[in-house]
C-alpha atoms as a PDB file:
ATOM      1  CA  MET A   1      12.200 -13.293  24.818  1.00  0.00           C
ATOM      2  CA  VAL A   2      12.506 -10.542  22.204  1.00  0.00           C
ATOM      3  CA  ALA A   3       9.191  -9.084  21.044  1.00  0.00           C
ATOM      4  CA  LEU A   4       8.933  -8.950  17.275  1.00  0.00           C
ATOM      5  CA  ARG A   5       7.032  -6.335  15.304  1.00  0.00           C
ATOM      6  CA  ARG A   6       5.541  -7.055  11.864  1.00  0.00           C
ATOM      7  CA  LEU A   7       6.230  -3.905   9.831  1.00  0.00           C
ATOM      8  CA  PHE A   8       5.703  -2.459   6.369  1.00  0.00           C
ATOM      9  CA  VAL A   9       6.069   0.914   4.652  1.00  0.00           C
ATOM     10  CA  ALA A  10       3.118   2.472   2.840  1.00  0.00           C
ATOM     11  CA  ALA A  11       1.861   5.642   1.228  1.00  0.00           C
ATOM     12  CA  ALA A  12      -1.078   6.944   3.221  1.00  0.00           C
ATOM     13  CA  LEU A  13      -4.477   7.645   1.710  1.00  0.00           C
ATOM     14  CA  THR A  14      -6.067  10.962   2.574  1.00  0.00           C
ATOM     15  CA  THR A  15      -9.252  10.774   4.642  1.00  0.00           C
ATOM     16  CA  GLU A  16     -11.205  12.428   1.822  1.00  0.00           C
ATOM     17  CA  VAL A  17     -10.020   9.929  -0.777  1.00  0.00           C
ATOM     18  CA  ARG A  18     -10.610   6.988   1.560  1.00  0.00           C
ATOM     19  CA  HIS A  19     -14.247   8.076   2.011  1.00  0.00           C
ATOM     20  CA  ALA A  20     -14.723   8.873  -1.693  1.00  0.00           C
ATOM     21  CA  LEU A  21     -13.314   5.485  -2.766  1.00  0.00           C
ATOM     22  CA  ALA A  22     -15.478   3.669  -0.217  1.00  0.00           C
ATOM     23  CA  ALA A  23     -18.566   5.533  -1.479  1.00  0.00           C
ATOM     24  CA  THR A  24     -17.676   4.795  -5.108  1.00  0.00           C
ATOM     25  CA  LEU A  25     -17.198   1.096  -4.412  1.00  0.00           C
ATOM     26  CA  VAL A  26     -20.221   0.649  -2.123  1.00  0.00           C
ATOM     27  CA  GLY A  27     -22.405  -0.800  -4.896  1.00  0.00           C
ATOM     28  CA  VAL A  28     -19.650  -2.862  -6.501  1.00  0.00           C
ATOM     29  CA  ALA A  29     -19.878  -6.631  -6.074  1.00  0.00           C
ATOM     30  CA  VAL A  30     -16.527  -7.497  -4.526  1.00  0.00           C
ATOM     31  CA  PRO A  31     -15.883 -11.218  -4.122  1.00  0.00           C
ATOM     32  CA  GLY A  32     -13.946 -12.573  -1.165  1.00  0.00           C
ATOM     33  CA  ARG A  33     -13.198 -10.981   2.172  1.00  0.00           C
ATOM     34  CA  ARG A  34     -13.243  -7.192   1.788  1.00  0.00           C
ATOM     35  CA  VAL A  35     -10.442  -5.155   3.299  1.00  0.00           C
ATOM     36  CA  ASP A  36     -11.840  -2.589   5.717  1.00  0.00           C
ATOM     37  CA  PRO A  37     -11.405   0.912   4.186  1.00  0.00           C
ATOM     38  CA  ALA A  38      -9.731   1.964   7.450  1.00  0.00           C
ATOM     39  CA  ASN A  39      -6.905  -0.451   6.483  1.00  0.00           C
ATOM     40  CA  TRP A  40      -6.478   0.803   2.899  1.00  0.00           C
ATOM     41  CA  HIS A  41      -2.969   1.918   1.953  1.00  0.00           C
ATOM     42  CA  LEU A  42      -0.491   1.673  -0.907  1.00  0.00           C
ATOM     43  CA  THR A  43       2.195  -0.742   0.250  1.00  0.00           C
ATOM     44  CA  LEU A  44       5.645   0.416  -0.786  1.00  0.00           C
ATOM     45  CA  ARG A  45       7.567  -2.367   0.949  1.00  0.00           C
ATOM     46  CA  PHE A  46       6.660  -5.224   3.286  1.00  0.00           C
ATOM     47  CA  ILE A  47       9.448  -5.718   5.829  1.00  0.00           C
ATOM     48  CA  GLY A  48       8.241  -8.542   8.063  1.00  0.00           C
ATOM     49  CA  GLU A  49       9.059  -9.288  11.681  1.00  0.00           C
ATOM     50  CA  VAL A  50      11.851  -7.315  13.309  1.00  0.00           C
ATOM     51  CA  GLY A  51      13.004  -6.659  16.859  1.00  0.00           C
ATOM     52  CA  GLU A  52      12.853  -3.288  18.613  1.00  0.00           C
ATOM     53  CA  VAL A  53      16.480  -2.403  17.789  1.00  0.00           C
ATOM     54  CA  GLU A  54      15.899  -3.134  14.094  1.00  0.00           C
ATOM     55  CA  ALA A  55      12.649  -1.128  14.163  1.00  0.00           C
ATOM     56  CA  ASP A  56      14.505   1.875  15.610  1.00  0.00           C
ATOM     57  CA  ARG A  57      17.161   1.498  12.912  1.00  0.00           C
ATOM     58  CA  LEU A  58      14.421   1.506  10.238  1.00  0.00           C
ATOM     59  CA  VAL A  59      12.886   4.683  11.637  1.00  0.00           C
ATOM     60  CA  GLY A  60      16.281   6.393  11.668  1.00  0.00           C
ATOM     61  CA  SER A  61      17.122   5.332   8.135  1.00  0.00           C
ATOM     62  CA  LEU A  62      13.740   6.411   6.725  1.00  0.00           C
ATOM     63  CA  ASP A  63      13.983   9.700   8.621  1.00  0.00           C
ATOM     64  CA  GLN A  64      17.395  10.434   7.052  1.00  0.00           C
ATOM     65  CA  ALA A  65      16.451   9.251   3.554  1.00  0.00           C
ATOM     66  CA  ASP A  66      15.690  11.499   0.609  1.00  0.00           C
ATOM     67  CA  LEU A  67      12.213  10.171  -0.140  1.00  0.00           C
ATOM     68  CA  GLY A  68      11.615  12.758  -2.835  1.00  0.00           C
ATOM     69  CA  GLY A  69       8.822  15.226  -3.365  1.00  0.00           C
ATOM     70  CA  ARG A  70       5.076  15.130  -3.222  1.00  0.00           C
ATOM     71  CA  PHE A  71       3.173  13.989  -6.293  1.00  0.00           C
ATOM     72  CA  ARG A  72      -0.339  13.212  -7.480  1.00  0.00           C
ATOM     73  CA  ILE A  73      -1.916   9.934  -8.493  1.00  0.00           C
ATOM     74  CA  ARG A  74      -5.181   9.107 -10.197  1.00  0.00           C
ATOM     75  CA  TRP A  75      -6.982   5.889  -9.320  1.00  0.00           C
ATOM     76  CA  GLY A  76      -7.722   3.611 -12.265  1.00  0.00           C
ATOM     77  CA  SER A  77      -9.283   0.216 -12.843  1.00  0.00           C
ATOM     78  CA  LEU A  78      -9.700  -2.991 -10.902  1.00  0.00           C
ATOM     79  CA  GLY A  79      -7.196  -5.799 -11.302  1.00  0.00           C
ATOM     80  CA  ALA A  80      -6.434  -9.193  -9.796  1.00  0.00           C
ATOM     81  CA  PHE A  81      -3.472 -11.210  -8.558  1.00  0.00           C
ATOM     82  CA  PRO A  82      -2.144 -13.531  -9.798  1.00  0.00           C
ATOM     83  CA  ARG A  83      -4.585 -13.230 -12.741  1.00  0.00           C
ATOM     84  CA  ALA A  84      -8.282 -12.571 -13.354  1.00  0.00           C
ATOM     85  CA  LYS A  85      -9.219 -16.206 -14.115  1.00  0.00           C
ATOM     86  CA  LYS A  86      -7.790 -17.477 -10.812  1.00  0.00           C
ATOM     87  CA  ALA A  87      -7.743 -14.464  -8.498  1.00  0.00           C
ATOM     88  CA  THR A  88      -6.707 -14.497  -4.853  1.00  0.00           C
ATOM     89  CA  VAL A  89      -6.589 -10.688  -4.547  1.00  0.00           C
ATOM     90  CA  LEU A  90      -8.846  -8.037  -6.068  1.00  0.00           C
ATOM     91  CA  TRP A  91      -7.178  -4.633  -6.243  1.00  0.00           C
ATOM     92  CA  LEU A  92      -7.540  -1.082  -7.500  1.00  0.00           C
ATOM     93  CA  GLY A  93      -4.741   0.185  -9.714  1.00  0.00           C
ATOM     94  CA  LEU A  94      -3.520   3.590 -10.790  1.00  0.00           C
ATOM     95  CA  GLN A  95      -4.296   5.421 -14.000  1.00  0.00           C
ATOM     96  CA  GLU A  96      -1.605   8.056 -13.332  1.00  0.00           C
ATOM     97  CA  GLY A  97       1.317   8.280 -10.928  1.00  0.00           C
ATOM     98  CA  SER A  98       2.591   4.693 -11.130  1.00  0.00           C
ATOM     99  CA  ALA A  99       6.085   5.812 -12.159  1.00  0.00           C
ATOM    100  CA  GLU A 100       6.287   8.298  -9.285  1.00  0.00           C
ATOM    101  CA  LEU A 101       5.038   5.712  -6.801  1.00  0.00           C
ATOM    102  CA  ALA A 102       7.587   3.197  -8.112  1.00  0.00           C
ATOM    103  CA  ALA A 103      10.342   5.812  -7.682  1.00  0.00           C
ATOM    104  CA  LEU A 104       9.185   6.390  -4.092  1.00  0.00           C
ATOM    105  CA  ALA A 105       9.212   2.624  -3.465  1.00  0.00           C
ATOM    106  CA  SER A 106      12.768   2.516  -4.825  1.00  0.00           C
ATOM    107  CA  ARG A 107      13.856   5.302  -2.447  1.00  0.00           C
ATOM    108  CA  VAL A 108      12.231   3.427   0.456  1.00  0.00           C
ATOM    109  CA  GLU A 109      14.037   0.252  -0.626  1.00  0.00           C
ATOM    110  CA  THR A 110      17.373   2.110  -0.587  1.00  0.00           C
ATOM    111  CA  ALA A 111      16.681   3.384   2.947  1.00  0.00           C
ATOM    112  CA  LEU A 112      15.734  -0.102   4.142  1.00  0.00           C
ATOM    113  CA  LEU A 113      18.839  -1.655   2.609  1.00  0.00           C
ATOM    114  CA  ALA A 114      20.925   0.956   4.472  1.00  0.00           C
ATOM    115  CA  ALA A 115      19.186  -0.161   7.682  1.00  0.00           C
ATOM    116  CA  GLY A 116      20.157  -3.782   7.054  1.00  0.00           C
ATOM    117  CA  VAL A 117      16.903  -5.143   5.596  1.00  0.00           C
ATOM    118  CA  ALA A 118      17.366  -7.832   2.929  1.00  0.00           C
ATOM    119  CA  ALA A 119      16.596  -6.762  -0.631  1.00  0.00           C
ATOM    120  CA  GLU A 120      13.054  -7.250  -1.946  1.00  0.00           C
ATOM    121  CA  ASP A 121      12.874 -10.148  -4.387  1.00  0.00           C
ATOM    122  CA  ARG A 122       9.576  -9.220  -6.053  1.00  0.00           C
ATOM    123  CA  PRO A 123       8.966  -6.352  -8.478  1.00  0.00           C
ATOM    124  CA  PHE A 124       6.927  -3.413  -7.187  1.00  0.00           C
ATOM    125  CA  ARG A 125       3.302  -3.406  -8.408  1.00  0.00           C
ATOM    126  CA  PRO A 126       1.336  -0.343  -7.222  1.00  0.00           C
ATOM    127  CA  HIS A 127      -2.149  -1.336  -6.051  1.00  0.00           C
ATOM    128  CA  LEU A 128      -4.736  -0.923  -3.314  1.00  0.00           C
ATOM    129  CA  THR A 129      -5.949  -4.319  -2.047  1.00  0.00           C
ATOM    130  CA  LEU A 130      -9.770  -4.409  -1.916  1.00  0.00           C
ATOM    131  CA  SER A 131     -10.358  -8.081  -1.058  1.00  0.00           C
ATOM    132  CA  ARG A 132      -8.669 -11.411  -0.471  1.00  0.00           C
ATOM    133  CA  ILE A 133     -10.304 -14.359  -2.225  1.00  0.00           C
ATOM    134  CA  ARG A 134     -10.155 -17.926  -0.852  1.00  0.00           C
ATOM    135  CA  PRO A 135     -10.451 -20.223  -2.699  1.00  0.00           C
ATOM    136  CA  PRO A 136      -9.294 -18.534  -5.920  1.00  0.00           C
ATOM    137  CA  GLN A 137     -12.009 -17.647  -8.430  1.00  0.00           C
ATOM    138  CA  ASP A 138     -12.562 -16.040 -11.818  1.00  0.00           C
ATOM    139  CA  VAL A 139     -13.190 -12.298 -11.335  1.00  0.00           C
ATOM    140  CA  SER A 140     -13.086 -11.294 -15.026  1.00  0.00           C
ATOM    141  CA  ALA A 141     -16.721 -10.104 -15.001  1.00  0.00           C
ATOM    142  CA  HIS A 142     -16.063  -7.960 -11.915  1.00  0.00           C
ATOM    143  CA  LEU A 143     -13.085  -6.284 -13.586  1.00  0.00           C
ATOM    144  CA  GLU A 144     -15.104  -5.465 -16.700  1.00  0.00           C
ATOM    145  CA  ALA A 145     -18.105  -4.165 -14.738  1.00  0.00           C
ATOM    146  CA  VAL A 146     -16.273  -1.265 -13.073  1.00  0.00           C
ATOM    147  CA  ASP A 147     -15.113   1.779 -15.037  1.00  0.00           C
ATOM    148  CA  PRO A 148     -11.844   3.470 -14.066  1.00  0.00           C
ATOM    149  CA  ILE A 149     -12.377   5.444 -10.858  1.00  0.00           C
ATOM    150  CA  GLY A 150     -10.514   8.589 -11.969  1.00  0.00           C
ATOM    151  CA  LEU A 151     -10.280  10.078  -8.468  1.00  0.00           C
ATOM    152  CA  ARG A 152      -7.103  12.092  -7.828  1.00  0.00           C
ATOM    153  CA  MET A 153      -5.009  12.174  -4.663  1.00  0.00           C
ATOM    154  CA  SER A 154      -1.809  13.810  -3.467  1.00  0.00           C
ATOM    155  CA  VAL A 155       0.862  11.507  -2.024  1.00  0.00           C
ATOM    156  CA  ASP A 156       2.579  13.629   0.597  1.00  0.00           C
ATOM    157  CA  ARG A 157       3.794  11.216   3.274  1.00  0.00           C
ATOM    158  CA  VAL A 158       5.021   7.712   3.935  1.00  0.00           C
ATOM    159  CA  LEU A 159       4.123   5.651   6.981  1.00  0.00           C
ATOM    160  CA  LEU A 160       5.977   2.888   8.791  1.00  0.00           C
ATOM    161  CA  ILE A 161       3.096   0.663   9.914  1.00  0.00           C
ATOM    162  CA  GLU A 162       2.843  -2.224  12.337  1.00  0.00           C
ATOM    163  CA  SER A 163       0.520  -5.068  11.400  1.00  0.00           C
ATOM    164  CA  HIS A 164      -1.274  -6.935  14.193  1.00  0.00           C
ATOM    165  CA  LEU A 165      -2.728 -10.219  12.948  1.00  0.00           C
ATOM    166  CA  GLY A 166      -5.877 -11.621  14.523  1.00  0.00           C
ATOM    167  CA  ARG A 167      -8.995 -13.705  13.972  1.00  0.00           C
ATOM    168  CA  GLU A 168     -10.883 -10.720  12.586  1.00  0.00           C
ATOM    169  CA  GLY A 169      -8.105  -9.916  10.122  1.00  0.00           C
ATOM    170  CA  ALA A 170      -5.195  -7.530  10.306  1.00  0.00           C
ATOM    171  CA  ARG A 171      -5.246  -4.333  12.324  1.00  0.00           C
ATOM    172  CA  TYR A 172      -2.736  -1.633  11.432  1.00  0.00           C
ATOM    173  CA  SER A 173      -1.161   1.026  13.623  1.00  0.00           C
ATOM    174  CA  PRO A 174       1.208   3.739  12.410  1.00  0.00           C
ATOM    175  CA  VAL A 175       4.665   3.658  13.991  1.00  0.00           C
ATOM    176  CA  GLU A 176       6.102   6.769  12.341  1.00  0.00           C
ATOM    177  CA  SER A 177       5.201   9.238   9.581  1.00  0.00           C
ATOM    178  CA  PHE A 178       7.670  10.730   7.072  1.00  0.00           C
ATOM    179  CA  ASP A 179       6.592  13.781   5.063  1.00  0.00           C
ATOM    180  CA  LEU A 180       7.650  14.016   1.446  1.00  0.00           C
ATOM    181  CA  ASP A 181       9.543  17.182   0.562  1.00  0.00           C
ATOM    182  CA  GLN A 182       7.027  19.828  -0.443  1.00  0.00           C
ATOM    183  CA  ARG A 183       9.731  21.946  -2.095  1.00  0.00           C
ATOM    184  CA  GLN A 184       9.936  19.301  -4.841  1.00  0.00           C
ATOM    185  CA  ARG A 185       6.202  19.436  -5.622  1.00  0.00           C
ATOM    186  CA  ARG A 186       5.271  18.753  -9.240  1.00  0.00           C
END
């Protein structure tokens, strides 16, 4: 039997920003099941289950890809999927850097296509998932209660991450790290 790995590609949060965001959000009423700050990341592309050979191919393709240069983002306001009145996910968006993050996601997509991964069928929406809400509920008041965060962060690397699902929620472990080209810094 072939062991499958559930993988995705994400931009890593710095330790400092992870702690600062957690401290900023500590007093915020977040409905649903909170995502542990240790699991916070900016998903660039969910891949799904692949075998070991496919995983090695992904690593090679991402390693050879031109992922672009480092850039800065600024965290913004809270949002909800699919919409505030019937939310299943509460997230933190970006005030600055969305275009650069979308360009990085596009470069990752190109590398994954070269490795044989099927094309993504959903548009890229940069966000940091804060909680998952079951059953769906209206979070409009929560969105209005929190001012934009405004915290800045440098995006300087991309991670290939394995997701391990369990009763206590997902646990993530990095498979490989890919530094963004510092010579292209903005």
